[in-house]
Amino acid sequence: MTELQALLEEIAACRACAGAWPHEPRPVVRVSAETRILIAGQAPGRRVHESGLPFDDPSGDRLRAWMGVDRATFYGDARIGVAAMAFCFPGTNPKGGDYPPPRRCAELWRGRLLAELPHVELTLLVGSYAQAWTLGRRCGPLNETVRAWRAHLPERLVLPHPSWRNTAWLKRNPWFEAEVTPYLRQRVREILS
């Protein structure tokens, strides 16, 4: 067993948040030693919690469209990995949307996991939580951070969350799909070719 496999087993068994939510923790991480493109979102949603497959929902459909890959490639190519800021569904906020990812998950696992993924060429920072964790002080409000997407290249690409909740943002910011998604598709093609 490799160190990465052992770490993934540890993560799968993690119960650090047990009792914090009305449901059992179910860590969802999908990476391998071959991961070249790492997708770092905020946390799994309810559907992902139920299926155990990252981005197994309409936001995943939009993300795959941005990347220019189909579902079979997204889940079947070991060079594409997913490791969010939190690996478990944090629950739904009665005010709307899901609760934010708990910091303890990233604090427990993120550094160790990234150390086992030395071949990552591109990390997609999906949403403000992933951007704030990774970029720290260099991260501003989502709109500013995504607008300055070129400043983080070539190792990182900042993206809004592909959730339906951001449809209005995408309509107000047509430059994103005109500039960023063509760049993303080209990078994905280059890395996977």
C-alpha atoms as a PDB file:
ATOM      1  CA  MET A   1       0.000   0.000   0.000  1.00  0.00           C
ATOM      2  CA  THR A   2       1.337   3.438  -0.933  1.00  0.00           C
ATOM      3  CA  GLU A   3       1.365   6.394   1.440  1.00  0.00           C
ATOM      4  CA  LEU A   4      -1.407   7.996  -0.633  1.00  0.00           C
ATOM      5  CA  GLN A   5      -3.587   4.884  -0.387  1.00  0.00           C
ATOM      6  CA  ALA A   6      -3.024   4.721   3.375  1.00  0.00           C
ATOM      7  CA  LEU A   7      -3.898   8.400   3.714  1.00  0.00           C
ATOM      8  CA  LEU A   8      -7.071   7.977   1.647  1.00  0.00           C
ATOM      9  CA  GLU A   9      -8.108   5.120   3.935  1.00  0.00           C
ATOM     10  CA  GLU A  10      -7.519   7.366   6.951  1.00  0.00           C
ATOM     11  CA  ILE A  11      -9.618  10.098   5.363  1.00  0.00           C
ATOM     12  CA  ALA A  12     -12.413   7.649   4.516  1.00  0.00           C
ATOM     13  CA  ALA A  13     -12.518   6.597   8.171  1.00  0.00           C
ATOM     14  CA  CYS A  14     -12.476  10.164   9.520  1.00  0.00           C
ATOM     15  CA  ARG A  15     -15.240  10.975  11.996  1.00  0.00           C
ATOM     16  CA  ALA A  16     -13.864  14.287  13.289  1.00  0.00           C
ATOM     17  CA  CYS A  17     -17.230  15.951  12.665  1.00  0.00           C
ATOM     18  CA  ALA A  18     -19.403  13.133  14.006  1.00  0.00           C
ATOM     19  CA  GLY A  19     -22.188  14.572  16.099  1.00  0.00           C
ATOM     20  CA  ALA A  20     -21.815  18.045  14.587  1.00  0.00           C
ATOM     21  CA  TRP A  21     -24.498  17.337  11.987  1.00  0.00           C
ATOM     22  CA  PRO A  22     -27.711  15.321  11.928  1.00  0.00           C
ATOM     23  CA  HIS A  23     -26.108  12.880   9.463  1.00  0.00           C
ATOM     24  CA  GLU A  24     -23.074  10.614   9.564  1.00  0.00           C
ATOM     25  CA  PRO A  25     -19.850  11.938   8.039  1.00  0.00           C
ATOM     26  CA  ARG A  26     -19.091  10.498   4.609  1.00  0.00           C
ATOM     27  CA  PRO A  27     -15.774  11.825   3.288  1.00  0.00           C
ATOM     28  CA  VAL A  28     -15.762  12.209  -0.490  1.00  0.00           C
ATOM     29  CA  VAL A  29     -12.311  12.539  -2.072  1.00  0.00           C
ATOM     30  CA  ARG A  30     -11.263  11.305  -5.490  1.00  0.00           C
ATOM     31  CA  VAL A  31      -7.535  11.551  -6.220  1.00  0.00           C
ATOM     32  CA  SER A  32      -4.761   9.253  -7.337  1.00  0.00           C
ATOM     33  CA  ALA A  33      -0.990   9.303  -7.712  1.00  0.00           C
ATOM     34  CA  GLU A  34      -1.618  10.291 -11.348  1.00  0.00           C
ATOM     35  CA  THR A  35      -3.697  13.396 -10.537  1.00  0.00           C
ATOM     36  CA  ARG A  36      -2.605  16.307 -12.758  1.00  0.00           C
ATOM     37  CA  ILE A  37      -5.735  18.479 -12.480  1.00  0.00           C
ATOM     38  CA  LEU A  38      -6.991  18.977  -8.941  1.00  0.00           C
ATOM     39  CA  ILE A  39     -10.437  20.433  -8.366  1.00  0.00           C
ATOM     40  CA  ALA A  40     -10.681  22.134  -4.994  1.00  0.00           C
ATOM     41  CA  GLY A  41     -14.251  23.117  -4.205  1.00  0.00           C
ATOM     42  CA  GLN A  42     -15.855  23.940  -0.876  1.00  0.00           C
ATOM     43  CA  ALA A  43     -17.576  20.741   0.335  1.00  0.00           C
ATOM     44  CA  PRO A  44     -19.831  18.016  -1.032  1.00  0.00           C
ATOM     45  CA  GLY A  45     -23.529  18.825  -1.328  1.00  0.00           C
ATOM     46  CA  ARG A  46     -26.404  16.582  -0.300  1.00  0.00           C
ATOM     47  CA  ARG A  47     -26.496  14.680  -3.612  1.00  0.00           C
ATOM     48  CA  VAL A  48     -22.764  14.037  -3.472  1.00  0.00           C
ATOM     49  CA  HIS A  49     -23.100  12.905   0.150  1.00  0.00           C
ATOM     50  CA  GLU A  50     -25.697  10.367  -0.974  1.00  0.00           C
ATOM     51  CA  SER A  51     -23.873   9.121  -4.084  1.00  0.00           C
ATOM     52  CA  GLY A  52     -20.277   9.346  -2.851  1.00  0.00           C
ATOM     53  CA  LEU A  53     -19.232  10.837  -6.208  1.00  0.00           C
ATOM     54  CA  PRO A  54     -17.853  14.407  -6.267  1.00  0.00           C
ATOM     55  CA  PHE A  55     -19.736  16.889  -8.432  1.00  0.00           C
ATOM     56  CA  ASP A  56     -22.476  14.332  -9.081  1.00  0.00           C
ATOM     57  CA  ASP A  57     -25.084  17.056  -9.463  1.00  0.00           C
ATOM     58  CA  PRO A  58     -26.035  19.911 -11.826  1.00  0.00           C
ATOM     59  CA  SER A  59     -23.065  21.983 -10.635  1.00  0.00           C
ATOM     60  CA  GLY A  60     -20.845  19.120 -11.786  1.00  0.00           C
ATOM     61  CA  ASP A  61     -22.506  19.226 -15.196  1.00  0.00           C
ATOM     62  CA  ARG A  62     -21.681  22.931 -15.467  1.00  0.00           C
ATOM     63  CA  LEU A  63     -18.103  22.394 -14.225  1.00  0.00           C
ATOM     64  CA  ARG A  64     -17.535  19.615 -16.779  1.00  0.00           C
ATOM     65  CA  ALA A  65     -18.869  21.905 -19.514  1.00  0.00           C
ATOM     66  CA  TRP A  66     -16.441  24.631 -18.421  1.00  0.00           C
ATOM     67  CA  MET A  67     -13.614  22.085 -18.523  1.00  0.00           C
ATOM     68  CA  GLY A  68     -14.695  20.629 -21.854  1.00  0.00           C
ATOM     69  CA  VAL A  69     -14.817  17.039 -20.566  1.00  0.00           C
ATOM     70  CA  ASP A  70     -17.641  14.540 -20.504  1.00  0.00           C
ATOM     71  CA  ARG A  71     -18.813  12.609 -17.460  1.00  0.00           C
ATOM     72  CA  ALA A  72     -16.900   9.453 -18.452  1.00  0.00           C
ATOM     73  CA  THR A  73     -13.612  11.380 -18.688  1.00  0.00           C
ATOM     74  CA  PHE A  74     -14.253  13.319 -15.489  1.00  0.00           C
ATOM     75  CA  TYR A  75     -14.750  10.158 -13.450  1.00  0.00           C
ATOM     76  CA  GLY A  76     -12.660   7.753 -15.495  1.00  0.00           C
ATOM     77  CA  ASP A  77      -9.395   9.620 -16.048  1.00  0.00           C
ATOM     78  CA  ALA A  78      -7.122   9.284 -13.003  1.00  0.00           C
ATOM     79  CA  ARG A  79      -5.410  12.535 -13.975  1.00  0.00           C
ATOM     80  CA  ILE A  80      -8.511  14.453 -12.794  1.00  0.00           C
ATOM     81  CA  GLY A  81      -8.882  14.577  -9.024  1.00  0.00           C
ATOM     82  CA  VAL A  82     -11.287  16.214  -6.596  1.00  0.00           C
ATOM     83  CA  ALA A  83     -10.439  17.221  -3.027  1.00  0.00           C
ATOM     84  CA  ALA A  84     -12.612  19.953  -1.546  1.00  0.00           C
ATOM     85  CA  MET A  85     -11.812  22.130   1.457  1.00  0.00           C
ATOM     86  CA  ALA A  86     -14.052  19.831   3.508  1.00  0.00           C
ATOM     87  CA  PHE A  87     -14.605  16.226   2.506  1.00  0.00           C
ATOM     88  CA  CYS A  88     -18.050  15.788   4.091  1.00  0.00           C
ATOM     89  CA  PHE A  89     -21.410  17.431   3.490  1.00  0.00           C
ATOM     90  CA  PRO A  90     -21.773  20.085   6.221  1.00  0.00           C
ATOM     91  CA  GLY A  91     -25.578  20.199   6.061  1.00  0.00           C
ATOM     92  CA  THR A  92     -28.120  22.604   4.664  1.00  0.00           C
ATOM     93  CA  ASN A  93     -28.562  26.024   6.185  1.00  0.00           C
ATOM     94  CA  PRO A  94     -32.266  26.810   6.765  1.00  0.00           C
ATOM     95  CA  LYS A  95     -31.561  30.299   5.369  1.00  0.00           C
ATOM     96  CA  GLY A  96     -30.520  28.773   2.029  1.00  0.00           C
ATOM     97  CA  GLY A  97     -27.553  26.912   0.631  1.00  0.00           C
ATOM     98  CA  ASP A  98     -25.232  24.604   2.511  1.00  0.00           C
ATOM     99  CA  TYR A  99     -23.289  25.499   5.607  1.00  0.00           C
ATOM    100  CA  PRO A 100     -19.688  26.595   4.992  1.00  0.00           C
ATOM    101  CA  PRO A 101     -17.027  23.895   5.020  1.00  0.00           C
ATOM    102  CA  PRO A 102     -15.627  23.449   8.524  1.00  0.00           C
ATOM    103  CA  ARG A 103     -11.984  24.564   8.723  1.00  0.00           C
ATOM    104  CA  ARG A 104     -11.027  21.538  10.823  1.00  0.00           C
ATOM    105  CA  CYS A 105     -11.249  19.258   7.781  1.00  0.00           C
ATOM    106  CA  ALA A 106      -8.735  21.264   5.736  1.00  0.00           C
ATOM    107  CA  GLU A 107      -6.568  21.710   8.822  1.00  0.00           C
ATOM    108  CA  LEU A 108      -6.552  17.960   9.473  1.00  0.00           C
ATOM    109  CA  TRP A 109      -6.048  16.683   5.948  1.00  0.00           C
ATOM    110  CA  ARG A 110      -5.231  19.245   3.259  1.00  0.00           C
ATOM    111  CA  GLY A 111      -1.483  19.584   3.766  1.00  0.00           C
ATOM    112  CA  ARG A 112      -0.914  15.855   4.055  1.00  0.00           C
ATOM    113  CA  LEU A 113      -3.032  15.118   0.991  1.00  0.00           C
ATOM    114  CA  LEU A 114      -1.410  17.756  -1.220  1.00  0.00           C
ATOM    115  CA  ALA A 115       2.025  16.442  -0.232  1.00  0.00           C
ATOM    116  CA  GLU A 116       1.028  13.086  -1.752  1.00  0.00           C
ATOM    117  CA  LEU A 117      -0.006  14.681  -5.076  1.00  0.00           C
ATOM    118  CA  PRO A 118       3.305  15.903  -6.517  1.00  0.00           C
ATOM    119  CA  HIS A 119       2.227  15.788 -10.177  1.00  0.00           C
ATOM    120  CA  VAL A 120      -0.591  18.342 -10.005  1.00  0.00           C
ATOM    121  CA  GLU A 121      -0.109  20.894 -12.783  1.00  0.00           C
ATOM    122  CA  LEU A 122      -3.350  22.818 -12.387  1.00  0.00           C
ATOM    123  CA  THR A 123      -5.569  23.376  -9.360  1.00  0.00           C
ATOM    124  CA  LEU A 124      -9.054  24.724  -9.970  1.00  0.00           C
ATOM    125  CA  LEU A 125     -10.044  26.857  -6.980  1.00  0.00           C
ATOM    126  CA  VAL A 126     -13.817  26.580  -7.177  1.00  0.00           C
ATOM    127  CA  GLY A 127     -15.608  29.180  -5.067  1.00  0.00           C
ATOM    128  CA  SER A 128     -14.599  31.631  -2.384  1.00  0.00           C
ATOM    129  CA  TYR A 129     -13.782  29.105   0.368  1.00  0.00           C
ATOM    130  CA  ALA A 130     -11.192  27.294  -1.743  1.00  0.00           C
ATOM    131  CA  GLN A 131      -9.787  30.611  -2.917  1.00  0.00           C
ATOM    132  CA  ALA A 132      -9.543  32.081   0.586  1.00  0.00           C
ATOM    133  CA  TRP A 133      -7.883  28.960   2.012  1.00  0.00           C
ATOM    134  CA  THR A 134      -5.349  28.680  -0.799  1.00  0.00           C
ATOM    135  CA  LEU A 135      -4.635  32.317  -1.620  1.00  0.00           C
ATOM    136  CA  GLY A 136      -4.892  33.761   1.891  1.00  0.00           C
ATOM    137  CA  ARG A 137      -4.349  37.515   1.873  1.00  0.00           C
ATOM    138  CA  ARG A 138      -4.133  37.594  -1.902  1.00  0.00           C
ATOM    139  CA  CYS A 139      -7.816  36.670  -2.037  1.00  0.00           C
ATOM    140  CA  GLY A 140     -10.395  39.429  -2.240  1.00  0.00           C
ATOM    141  CA  PRO A 141     -14.123  39.248  -2.849  1.00  0.00           C
ATOM    142  CA  LEU A 142     -15.072  36.493  -5.317  1.00  0.00           C
ATOM    143  CA  ASN A 143     -15.793  38.885  -8.181  1.00  0.00           C
ATOM    144  CA  GLU A 144     -12.406  40.607  -7.842  1.00  0.00           C
ATOM    145  CA  THR A 145     -10.518  37.354  -7.409  1.00  0.00           C
ATOM    146  CA  VAL A 146     -12.094  35.710 -10.452  1.00  0.00           C
ATOM    147  CA  ARG A 147     -11.674  38.892 -12.511  1.00  0.00           C
ATOM    148  CA  ALA A 148      -7.934  38.722 -11.717  1.00  0.00           C
ATOM    149  CA  TRP A 149      -7.772  35.060 -12.807  1.00  0.00           C
ATOM    150  CA  ARG A 150      -4.589  35.544 -14.847  1.00  0.00           C
ATOM    151  CA  ALA A 151      -2.639  36.569 -11.712  1.00  0.00           C
ATOM    152  CA  HIS A 152      -2.758  33.000 -10.380  1.00  0.00           C
ATOM    153  CA  LEU A 153      -1.680  31.167 -13.525  1.00  0.00           C
ATOM    154  CA  PRO A 154      -0.300  28.733 -14.506  1.00  0.00           C
ATOM    155  CA  GLU A 155      -0.597  26.608 -11.341  1.00  0.00           C
ATOM    156  CA  ARG A 156      -4.038  27.810 -10.249  1.00  0.00           C
ATOM    157  CA  LEU A 157      -7.226  28.927 -11.896  1.00  0.00           C
ATOM    158  CA  VAL A 158      -9.899  30.676  -9.822  1.00  0.00           C
ATOM    159  CA  LEU A 159     -13.518  29.934 -10.707  1.00  0.00           C
ATOM    160  CA  PRO A 160     -16.901  30.858  -9.296  1.00  0.00           C
ATOM    161  CA  HIS A 161     -18.839  27.926  -7.935  1.00  0.00           C
ATOM    162  CA  PRO A 162     -20.747  26.281 -10.820  1.00  0.00           C
ATOM    163  CA  SER A 163     -23.930  26.117  -8.734  1.00  0.00           C
ATOM    164  CA  TRP A 164     -27.237  27.312 -10.162  1.00  0.00           C
ATOM    165  CA  ARG A 165     -27.075  29.990  -7.448  1.00  0.00           C
ATOM    166  CA  ASN A 166     -24.358  31.704  -9.522  1.00  0.00           C
ATOM    167  CA  THR A 167     -26.363  31.804 -12.764  1.00  0.00           C
ATOM    168  CA  ALA A 168     -27.120  35.510 -12.217  1.00  0.00           C
ATOM    169  CA  TRP A 169     -23.401  36.190 -11.588  1.00  0.00           C
ATOM    170  CA  LEU A 170     -22.515  34.443 -14.848  1.00  0.00           C
ATOM    171  CA  LYS A 171     -25.092  36.530 -16.735  1.00  0.00           C
ATOM    172  CA  ARG A 172     -23.695  39.764 -15.230  1.00  0.00           C
ATOM    173  CA  ASN A 173     -20.134  38.681 -16.070  1.00  0.00           C
ATOM    174  CA  PRO A 174     -20.167  37.330 -19.638  1.00  0.00           C
ATOM    175  CA  TRP A 175     -16.390  37.828 -19.821  1.00  0.00           C
ATOM    176  CA  PHE A 176     -16.025  34.699 -17.664  1.00  0.00           C
ATOM    177  CA  GLU A 177     -17.399  32.333 -20.296  1.00  0.00           C
ATOM    178  CA  ALA A 178     -15.797  34.374 -23.107  1.00  0.00           C
ATOM    179  CA  GLU A 179     -12.280  34.439 -21.599  1.00  0.00           C
ATOM    180  CA  VAL A 180     -11.844  31.961 -18.756  1.00  0.00           C
ATOM    181  CA  THR A 181     -13.642  28.859 -20.008  1.00  0.00           C
ATOM    182  CA  PRO A 182     -11.788  28.762 -23.368  1.00  0.00           C
ATOM    183  CA  TYR A 183      -8.501  29.028 -21.457  1.00  0.00           C
ATOM    184  CA  LEU A 184      -9.608  26.284 -19.057  1.00  0.00           C
ATOM    185  CA  ARG A 185     -10.646  23.944 -21.874  1.00  0.00           C
ATOM    186  CA  GLN A 186      -7.312  24.478 -23.628  1.00  0.00           C
ATOM    187  CA  ARG A 187      -5.310  23.768 -20.443  1.00  0.00           C
ATOM    188  CA  VAL A 188      -7.354  20.642 -19.728  1.00  0.00           C
ATOM    189  CA  ARG A 189      -6.789  19.410 -23.298  1.00  0.00           C
ATOM    190  CA  GLU A 190      -3.038  20.048 -23.010  1.00  0.00           C
ATOM    191  CA  ILE A 191      -2.728  18.262 -19.678  1.00  0.00           C
ATOM    192  CA  LEU A 192      -4.832  15.270 -20.723  1.00  0.00           C
ATOM    193  CA  SER A 193      -3.284  14.879 -24.200  1.00  0.00           C
END
